[in-house]
Amino acid sequence: MRYDVSVIGLGRIGLPLALSFADSGLSVLGVDTDQDRLQAIRERRMPFKEPGTDELIARLPLDTTSRAADAAQARAIVLTLGTPAMSHIEIDIRDIRTVLDDLLPHLREDQLIVLRSTVAPGTTEFVAGYLEKHRGFTVGENLFVAHVPERIAADKFMEEISTLPCIIGGVGEVSGERAAQLFEPLGAPVFQTTPVQAELAKIWTNILRYATFALPNLLMMDCERHGANVFDVIELINHDYPRGGMKMPGLTAGTCLRKDFAFSEERSSAPGMLLAVSRVHETVPLFLVDGVKRRVGGSLRERRVAVLGLAFKADTDDERDSLSHKLIRLLERELADVVVHDPVVATPTSSFDDAVTGADVIVVATNHSDYSSPEALRNIAELAPDALLVDPWNALGTAQVFAYVAEVAALRA
């Protein structure tokens, strides 16, 4: 076979993985249908921000193609495809099935198929059964299938690919061994398990974080109801208390946290529990808009509102499923004049100074490092001295979700 491994899906999971395989000495074929992305890769440019990968893509050979069937030229085929949740709280595996159908006529005995995508429990066994049903393979004997979930945080791929435990759920012992041989050169310790346990470990890693971050957001809303300061209450909960650990509030979303609970919820023994967690997060933009309206006299019509941050997470350029967009839509429905700034995303936005100058309201929607500097607060005080500052992250260090710039500046003087 021509390649050691092919990676289908060259997004934020697949492309860094393909580069890591190439850096470990493997011959790699990358597959993607996005022509702009393929063009960037062929020009040795990263199509998105991921620290440490610019040097790799400039240095390493990486063949690319837009045809999924070409991936069968490799001994191992890794699928890093999107698996969104449908509106009916159901995993959408259409992309996986489409790729499997493209691969079916070209697969050969002794190849390894790895699911790297986040999937609902039972999906790996479905893939194995699908290949057996339509091509007559016996998975675990003459074709090998495994789930090797990805749990790396945005902007930390090169740091964590070699350190985070590599969970491998092989369909049969030999499948697990073959997947381990593929991933061991990347340096991370390998843990063998069953496919369903690997699937559950991945989705519940994200569910744990999603539920954990819902608590401070619900507390923030409770504090508003009772006239309390959420940051003071969190300090009281956590200070020198061995069973503390309350996180800080914020706009929690992103493609993984926002959807992965649905992969459990579709067959849940406690229907509605994780939906309630989701509702807490999804309510935060409305909570902030309502809080602003109460403080500015009830109407945002023609009020200038600066929204700082489009990305779903600090210092990443990833806007997918960011609650900033929902916040902006809600503000626009109130007829506010919304101006946006983000120092990292590819989407064109206003400069920081243009966004905040003369603003009636300034909302820190993403806790980018640029917003956590003393200079940022000084610039706001200079350019929008009468603005209402909304900072659920406490990025600016005001220790208040809602505060007027003038009073904050006075406290800092």
Protein backbone atom coordinates (compact mmCIF):
# COMPACT_ATOMS: atom_id res chain seq x y z
CA MET A 1 0.00 0.00 0.00
CA ARG A 2 1.18 3.49 -0.77
CA TYR A 3 0.61 5.16 2.65
CA ASP A 4 0.96 4.14 6.27
CA VAL A 5 -2.13 6.11 7.30
CA SER A 6 -4.82 8.27 5.78
CA VAL A 7 -6.82 10.83 7.75
CA ILE A 8 -10.31 11.63 6.49
CA GLY A 9 -11.34 15.09 7.67
CA LEU A 10 -8.63 17.74 7.94
CA GLY A 11 -10.32 20.03 10.43
CA ARG A 12 -9.15 21.03 13.88
CA ILE A 13 -8.84 17.39 14.96
CA GLY A 14 -7.73 15.72 11.76
CA LEU A 15 -5.09 18.07 10.37
CA PRO A 16 -2.96 18.32 13.53
CA LEU A 17 -3.23 14.54 13.87
CA ALA A 18 -2.12 14.03 10.26
CA LEU A 19 0.86 16.32 10.87
CA SER A 20 1.72 14.45 14.08
CA PHE A 21 1.68 11.14 12.23
CA ALA A 22 3.92 12.62 9.54
CA ASP A 23 6.26 14.00 12.21
CA SER A 24 6.60 10.50 13.67
CA GLY A 25 7.87 9.24 10.32
CA LEU A 26 4.68 7.82 8.79
CA SER A 27 3.63 8.43 5.20
CA VAL A 28 0.28 10.24 5.37
CA LEU A 29 -2.59 11.03 3.01
CA GLY A 30 -5.03 13.72 4.10
CA VAL A 31 -8.60 13.71 2.79
CA ASP A 32 -11.06 16.60 2.84
CA THR A 33 -13.81 17.97 0.61
CA ASP A 34 -13.16 21.63 1.52
CA GLN A 35 -11.19 22.96 -1.45
CA ASP A 36 -10.08 26.13 0.33
CA ARG A 37 -8.67 24.05 3.16
CA LEU A 38 -6.88 21.73 0.76
CA GLN A 39 -5.41 24.70 -1.08
CA ALA A 40 -4.07 26.18 2.16
CA ILE A 41 -2.47 22.85 3.06
CA ARG A 42 -0.88 22.52 -0.37
CA GLU A 43 0.54 26.01 0.11
CA ARG A 44 1.95 24.89 3.48
CA ARG A 45 -0.39 27.18 5.43
CA MET A 46 -2.53 26.26 8.41
CA PRO A 47 -6.19 27.06 7.67
CA PHE A 48 -6.84 27.76 11.36
CA LYS A 49 -4.93 28.60 14.52
CA GLU A 50 -3.28 25.75 16.42
CA PRO A 51 -0.02 26.64 18.20
CA GLY A 52 2.99 24.63 17.05
CA THR A 53 1.53 23.42 13.77
CA ASP A 54 2.77 26.20 11.47
CA GLU A 55 6.30 24.82 11.66
CA LEU A 56 5.10 21.27 11.02
CA ILE A 57 3.02 22.07 7.95
CA ALA A 58 5.89 24.07 6.48
CA ARG A 59 8.35 21.21 7.02
CA LEU A 60 6.51 17.92 6.61
CA PRO A 61 5.31 16.15 3.46
CA LEU A 62 1.53 15.69 3.45
CA ASP A 63 -0.28 14.48 0.36
CA THR A 64 -3.94 15.50 0.04
CA THR A 65 -7.01 14.51 -1.93
CA SER A 66 -10.71 15.31 -1.97
CA ARG A 67 -11.75 11.70 -2.67
CA ALA A 68 -12.56 9.54 0.37
CA ALA A 69 -12.03 6.41 -1.72
CA ASP A 70 -8.34 7.35 -2.09
CA ALA A 71 -7.90 6.79 1.65
CA ALA A 72 -8.01 3.04 0.97
CA GLN A 73 -4.44 3.37 -0.33
CA ALA A 74 -3.30 3.34 3.32
CA ARG A 75 -2.85 0.47 5.77
CA ALA A 76 -4.74 2.47 8.41
CA ILE A 77 -7.67 4.83 7.82
CA VAL A 78 -8.59 7.36 10.53
CA LEU A 79 -12.00 9.06 10.40
CA THR A 80 -12.15 12.51 12.01
CA LEU A 81 -15.55 13.51 10.67
CA GLY A 82 -18.15 15.76 12.23
CA THR A 83 -20.92 14.02 14.16
CA PRO A 84 -23.50 16.69 14.99
CA ALA A 85 -26.62 16.09 17.04
CA MET A 86 -29.94 16.22 15.21
CA SER A 87 -32.81 18.36 16.47
CA HIS A 88 -34.48 15.21 17.79
CA ILE A 89 -31.61 14.57 20.27
CA GLU A 90 -30.06 11.94 18.05
CA ILE A 91 -26.52 11.47 16.72
CA ASP A 92 -26.09 12.29 13.03
CA ILE A 93 -23.72 9.73 11.48
CA ARG A 94 -24.55 10.48 7.86
CA ASP A 95 -21.02 11.69 7.11
CA ILE A 96 -19.56 8.51 8.56
CA ARG A 97 -21.92 6.32 6.52
CA THR A 98 -21.18 8.29 3.35
CA VAL A 99 -17.44 7.79 3.79
CA LEU A 100 -17.88 4.11 4.59
CA ASP A 101 -19.90 3.71 1.39
CA ASP A 102 -17.14 5.44 -0.57
CA LEU A 103 -14.52 3.16 0.99
CA LEU A 104 -16.41 -0.15 0.75
CA PRO A 105 -15.43 -1.14 -2.82
CA HIS A 106 -11.77 -0.38 -2.15
CA LEU A 107 -11.11 -1.87 1.29
CA ARG A 108 -8.74 -4.81 1.52
CA GLU A 109 -8.02 -7.42 4.13
CA ASP A 110 -5.72 -6.47 7.01
CA GLN A 111 -6.60 -2.77 6.94
CA LEU A 112 -7.38 -0.82 10.12
CA ILE A 113 -10.32 1.59 10.40
CA VAL A 114 -10.14 4.02 13.32
CA LEU A 115 -13.01 6.20 14.49
CA ARG A 116 -11.48 9.35 15.97
CA SER A 117 -14.76 11.28 15.87
CA THR A 118 -16.90 11.67 18.98
CA VAL A 119 -19.70 9.13 18.66
CA ALA A 120 -22.64 7.77 20.63
CA PRO A 121 -22.27 4.45 22.46
CA GLY A 122 -22.58 1.57 20.01
CA THR A 123 -21.35 3.44 16.93
CA THR A 124 -18.02 1.60 16.67
CA GLU A 125 -19.82 -1.75 16.72
CA PHE A 126 -22.21 -0.35 14.09
CA VAL A 127 -19.27 0.52 11.84
CA ALA A 128 -17.81 -2.96 12.29
CA GLY A 129 -21.17 -4.55 11.53
CA TYR A 130 -21.71 -2.31 8.52
CA LEU A 131 -18.38 -3.39 7.02
CA GLU A 132 -19.13 -7.03 7.70
CA LYS A 133 -22.64 -6.79 6.25
CA HIS A 134 -21.69 -5.01 3.04
CA ARG A 135 -18.28 -6.55 2.30
CA GLY A 136 -18.24 -9.85 4.17
CA PHE A 137 -15.22 -9.03 6.34
CA THR A 138 -14.83 -10.59 9.77
CA VAL A 139 -13.80 -7.66 11.95
CA GLY A 140 -11.06 -8.62 14.34
CA GLU A 141 -9.72 -11.29 11.98
CA ASN A 142 -9.25 -9.93 8.46
CA LEU A 143 -10.26 -6.28 8.99
CA PHE A 144 -9.72 -4.23 12.12
CA VAL A 145 -11.86 -1.50 13.68
CA ALA A 146 -11.26 0.63 16.77
CA HIS A 147 -12.46 3.79 18.46
CA VAL A 148 -9.62 6.06 19.60
CA PRO A 149 -11.37 9.13 21.03
CA GLU A 150 -9.77 12.56 20.92
CA ARG A 151 -9.90 14.62 24.14
CA ILE A 152 -7.45 17.41 23.34
CA ALA A 153 -8.33 21.01 24.17
CA ALA A 154 -8.31 23.75 21.55
CA ASP A 155 -4.88 25.41 21.21
CA LYS A 156 -3.22 22.54 23.13
CA PHE A 157 -2.92 19.85 20.46
CA MET A 158 0.87 19.68 20.22
CA GLU A 159 1.18 19.76 24.00
CA GLU A 160 -1.41 17.09 24.72
CA ILE A 161 -1.13 14.63 21.80
CA SER A 162 1.93 13.08 23.46
CA THR A 163 0.79 13.34 27.08
CA LEU A 164 -2.95 12.68 27.39
CA PRO A 165 -3.79 9.00 27.87
CA CYS A 166 -4.67 7.43 24.52
CA ILE A 167 -7.84 5.38 25.03
CA ILE A 168 -8.29 2.56 22.52
CA GLY A 169 -11.48 0.58 22.15
CA GLY A 170 -10.81 -2.19 19.65
CA VAL A 171 -13.42 -4.51 18.19
CA GLY A 172 -11.53 -7.59 19.30
CA GLU A 173 -8.07 -7.82 20.84
CA VAL A 174 -6.15 -7.65 17.57
CA SER A 175 -7.99 -4.47 16.51
CA GLY A 176 -6.87 -2.84 19.77
CA GLU A 177 -3.29 -3.99 19.20
CA ARG A 178 -3.25 -2.65 15.65
CA ALA A 179 -4.62 0.72 16.76
CA ALA A 180 -2.00 0.89 19.52
CA GLN A 181 0.77 0.27 16.99
CA LEU A 182 -0.53 3.25 14.99
CA PHE A 183 -0.80 5.69 17.91
CA GLU A 184 2.11 4.62 20.14
CA PRO A 185 4.72 6.55 18.07
CA LEU A 186 2.95 9.78 19.09
CA GLY A 187 4.21 9.18 22.64
CA ALA A 188 1.08 9.06 24.81
CA PRO A 189 0.43 6.18 27.20
CA VAL A 190 -2.08 3.70 25.75
CA PHE A 191 -5.06 2.26 27.61
CA GLN A 192 -6.92 -0.64 26.02
CA THR A 193 -10.63 -1.08 26.65
CA THR A 194 -13.83 -2.02 24.84
CA PRO A 195 -15.34 0.17 22.11
CA VAL A 196 -18.38 1.17 24.18
CA GLN A 197 -16.26 2.10 27.19
CA ALA A 198 -14.04 4.25 24.98
CA GLU A 199 -17.14 5.94 23.56
CA LEU A 200 -18.59 6.55 27.02
CA ALA A 201 -15.28 7.86 28.38
CA LYS A 202 -15.14 10.50 25.64
CA ILE A 203 -18.68 11.80 25.79
CA TRP A 204 -18.77 11.79 29.59
CA THR A 205 -15.48 13.71 29.73
CA ASN A 206 -17.30 16.51 27.94
CA ILE A 207 -20.56 16.03 29.84
CA LEU A 208 -18.66 16.38 33.13
CA ARG A 209 -17.21 19.71 32.06
CA TYR A 210 -20.52 20.93 30.64
CA ALA A 211 -22.37 20.10 33.86
CA THR A 212 -19.60 21.49 36.04
CA PHE A 213 -19.70 24.86 34.26
CA ALA A 214 -23.50 25.02 34.48
CA LEU A 215 -23.38 25.33 38.28
CA PRO A 216 -21.59 28.71 38.46
CA ASN A 217 -23.82 30.03 35.67
CA LEU A 218 -26.92 29.03 37.61
CA LEU A 219 -25.37 30.53 40.74
CA MET A 220 -24.75 33.78 38.81
CA MET A 221 -28.46 33.97 38.00
CA ASP A 222 -29.39 33.16 41.60
CA CYS A 223 -27.08 35.91 42.88
CA GLU A 224 -28.71 38.43 40.53
CA ARG A 225 -32.11 37.44 41.92
CA HIS A 226 -30.97 37.99 45.50
CA GLY A 227 -28.77 41.03 44.95
CA ALA A 228 -25.55 39.15 45.74
CA ASN A 229 -22.13 39.18 44.08
CA VAL A 230 -21.41 35.83 42.41
CA PHE A 231 -17.65 36.26 42.62
CA ASP A 232 -17.83 36.93 46.36
CA VAL A 233 -20.03 33.86 46.85
CA ILE A 234 -17.65 31.64 44.84
CA GLU A 235 -14.76 32.90 46.95
CA LEU A 236 -16.70 32.02 50.10
CA ILE A 237 -17.43 28.55 48.73
CA ASN A 238 -13.85 27.80 47.70
CA HIS A 239 -11.64 29.64 50.20
CA ASP A 240 -9.67 27.13 52.31
CA TYR A 241 -12.48 24.61 51.98
CA PRO A 242 -11.30 21.08 51.06
CA ARG A 243 -14.55 20.24 49.26
CA GLY A 244 -14.90 23.49 47.31
CA GLY A 245 -14.02 23.80 43.64
CA MET A 246 -16.82 25.95 42.21
CA LYS A 247 -15.75 27.23 38.78
CA MET A 248 -16.27 30.74 37.43
CA PRO A 249 -19.29 31.69 35.27
CA GLY A 250 -19.10 32.45 31.56
CA LEU A 251 -20.60 31.71 28.15
CA THR A 252 -19.96 27.97 27.92
CA ALA A 253 -20.48 26.37 24.51
CA GLY A 254 -18.37 25.12 21.60
CA THR A 255 -18.99 22.22 19.25
CA CYS A 256 -18.04 19.48 21.72
CA LEU A 257 -19.55 20.62 25.00
CA ARG A 258 -22.71 21.91 23.41
CA LYS A 259 -23.63 18.72 21.52
CA ASP A 260 -22.00 15.73 23.18
CA PHE A 261 -24.55 15.47 25.99
CA ALA A 262 -27.09 14.52 23.31
CA PHE A 263 -25.15 11.32 22.59
CA SER A 264 -26.14 10.11 26.06
CA GLU A 265 -29.49 11.87 26.20
CA GLU A 266 -30.89 10.02 23.16
CA ARG A 267 -31.07 6.84 25.28
CA SER A 268 -30.94 8.32 28.75
CA SER A 269 -32.27 6.72 31.91
CA ALA A 270 -32.79 10.22 33.28
CA PRO A 271 -34.34 12.09 30.36
CA GLY A 272 -34.15 15.82 30.73
CA MET A 273 -31.30 15.99 33.23
CA LEU A 274 -28.65 16.90 30.70
CA LEU A 275 -31.12 18.97 28.71
CA ALA A 276 -31.54 21.06 31.86
CA VAL A 277 -27.76 21.55 31.99
CA SER A 278 -27.86 22.72 28.39
CA ARG A 279 -30.72 25.11 29.14
CA VAL A 280 -28.70 26.78 31.88
CA HIS A 281 -25.89 27.58 29.44
CA GLU A 282 -28.23 28.55 26.63
CA THR A 283 -30.01 30.98 28.96
CA VAL A 284 -26.87 32.97 29.84
CA PRO A 285 -27.03 35.33 26.81
CA LEU A 286 -30.66 36.18 27.60
CA PHE A 287 -29.79 36.62 31.27
CA LEU A 288 -27.11 39.15 30.32
CA VAL A 289 -29.41 41.04 27.92
CA ASP A 290 -32.19 41.21 30.51
CA GLY A 291 -29.71 42.38 33.14
CA VAL A 292 -28.53 45.16 30.83
CA LYS A 293 -32.10 46.25 30.09
CA ARG A 294 -32.93 46.53 33.79
CA ARG A 295 -29.93 48.78 34.32
CA VAL A 296 -30.34 51.11 31.33
CA GLY A 297 -34.01 51.86 31.68
CA GLY A 298 -35.66 48.98 29.84
CA SER A 299 -34.84 49.65 26.20
CA LEU A 300 -31.75 48.99 24.12
CA ARG A 301 -33.13 50.62 20.98
CA GLU A 302 -30.32 52.51 19.24
CA ARG A 303 -28.02 51.94 22.19
CA ARG A 304 -24.45 51.22 21.10
CA VAL A 305 -23.38 47.82 22.45
CA ALA A 306 -19.83 46.57 22.04
CA VAL A 307 -19.49 42.77 22.16
CA LEU A 308 -15.93 41.70 22.86
CA GLY A 309 -15.21 38.21 21.61
CA LEU A 310 -16.71 35.85 19.01
CA ALA A 311 -14.75 32.68 19.79
CA PHE A 312 -16.22 30.08 22.11
CA LYS A 313 -13.03 29.88 24.19
CA ALA A 314 -10.23 32.20 25.24
CA ASP A 315 -7.46 32.78 22.70
CA THR A 316 -8.80 30.33 20.10
CA ASP A 317 -10.06 31.37 16.68
CA ASP A 318 -12.86 28.80 16.75
CA GLU A 319 -16.33 30.39 16.56
CA ARG A 320 -18.29 27.18 16.04
CA ASP A 321 -21.33 27.03 18.34
CA SER A 322 -20.12 30.07 20.28
CA LEU A 323 -22.81 31.70 22.42
CA SER A 324 -21.45 35.09 21.39
CA HIS A 325 -23.46 34.79 18.19
CA LYS A 326 -26.64 34.08 20.13
CA LEU A 327 -25.92 37.08 22.37
CA ILE A 328 -25.47 39.31 19.31
CA ARG A 329 -28.75 38.10 17.78
CA LEU A 330 -30.63 38.79 21.01
CA LEU A 331 -29.17 42.29 21.21
CA GLU A 332 -30.11 42.98 17.60
CA ARG A 333 -33.67 41.85 18.33
CA GLU A 334 -33.71 44.59 20.97
CA LEU A 335 -32.76 47.04 18.17
CA ALA A 336 -29.37 47.74 19.73
CA ASP A 337 -26.53 48.97 17.51
CA VAL A 338 -24.07 46.11 17.96
CA VAL A 339 -20.35 46.45 17.22
CA VAL A 340 -18.06 43.44 17.58
CA HIS A 341 -14.35 43.00 18.25
CA ASP A 342 -12.32 39.80 18.42
CA PRO A 343 -8.51 39.80 18.24
CA VAL A 344 -8.15 36.18 17.11
CA VAL A 345 -10.96 34.91 14.85
CA ALA A 346 -10.76 35.04 11.05
CA THR A 347 -14.13 36.80 10.77
CA PRO A 348 -13.49 40.53 10.14
CA THR A 349 -14.44 42.64 13.16
CA SER A 350 -13.96 46.24 14.28
CA SER A 351 -10.82 47.31 16.09
CA PHE A 352 -10.99 47.35 19.87
CA ASP A 353 -10.96 51.15 19.99
CA ASP A 354 -13.65 51.49 17.32
CA ALA A 355 -15.85 48.94 19.08
CA VAL A 356 -15.76 50.51 22.54
CA THR A 357 -15.60 54.20 21.65
CA GLY A 358 -18.83 55.83 22.76
CA ALA A 359 -20.42 52.51 23.72
CA ASP A 360 -23.37 52.56 26.08
CA VAL A 361 -22.77 48.92 26.99
CA ILE A 362 -19.67 46.74 26.70
CA VAL A 363 -20.06 42.96 27.03
CA VAL A 364 -17.03 40.69 27.45
CA ALA A 365 -18.37 37.62 25.68
CA THR A 366 -15.05 35.74 25.40
CA ASN A 367 -12.29 35.88 28.01
CA HIS A 368 -9.43 36.46 25.55
CA SER A 369 -6.10 37.38 27.12
CA ASP A 370 -6.26 40.72 25.35
CA TYR A 371 -9.26 41.65 27.48
CA SER A 372 -7.57 40.70 30.74
CA SER A 373 -4.83 43.31 30.59
CA PRO A 374 -4.82 46.53 32.64
CA GLU A 375 -4.51 48.40 29.34
CA ALA A 376 -7.87 47.07 28.16
CA LEU A 377 -9.68 48.49 31.19
CA ARG A 378 -7.80 51.78 30.92
CA ASN A 379 -8.76 52.10 27.25
CA ILE A 380 -12.40 51.38 28.08
CA ALA A 381 -12.37 54.02 30.81
CA GLU A 382 -10.95 56.52 28.35
CA LEU A 383 -13.15 55.72 25.34
CA ALA A 384 -16.45 54.84 27.04
CA PRO A 385 -16.40 56.40 30.53
CA ASP A 386 -20.16 56.16 31.02
CA ALA A 387 -20.67 52.63 29.70
CA LEU A 388 -22.19 49.71 31.53
CA LEU A 389 -19.60 46.95 31.65
CA VAL A 390 -20.87 43.35 31.52
CA ASP A 391 -18.18 40.79 32.35
CA PRO A 392 -19.45 37.36 33.45
CA TRP A 393 -15.93 35.96 33.09
CA ASN A 394 -14.39 38.61 35.35
CA ALA A 395 -11.82 38.94 32.57
CA LEU A 396 -11.20 42.60 33.43
CA GLY A 397 -10.89 41.88 37.14
CA THR A 398 -13.81 44.06 38.22
CA ALA A 399 -15.31 41.19 40.26
CA GLN A 400 -18.80 42.23 39.14
CA VAL A 401 -20.97 40.83 36.35
CA PHE A 402 -22.58 44.27 35.83
CA ALA A 403 -20.66 47.43 36.71
CA TYR A 404 -20.44 50.97 35.39
CA VAL A 405 -17.06 51.90 33.97
CA ALA A 406 -16.96 55.12 35.97
CA GLU A 407 -17.32 53.36 39.33
CA VAL A 408 -14.80 50.69 38.37
CA ALA A 409 -12.31 53.35 37.28
CA ALA A 410 -12.84 55.19 40.56
CA LEU A 411 -12.09 52.05 42.55
CA ARG A 412 -8.90 51.50 40.53
CA ALA A 413 -7.74 55.10 40.82
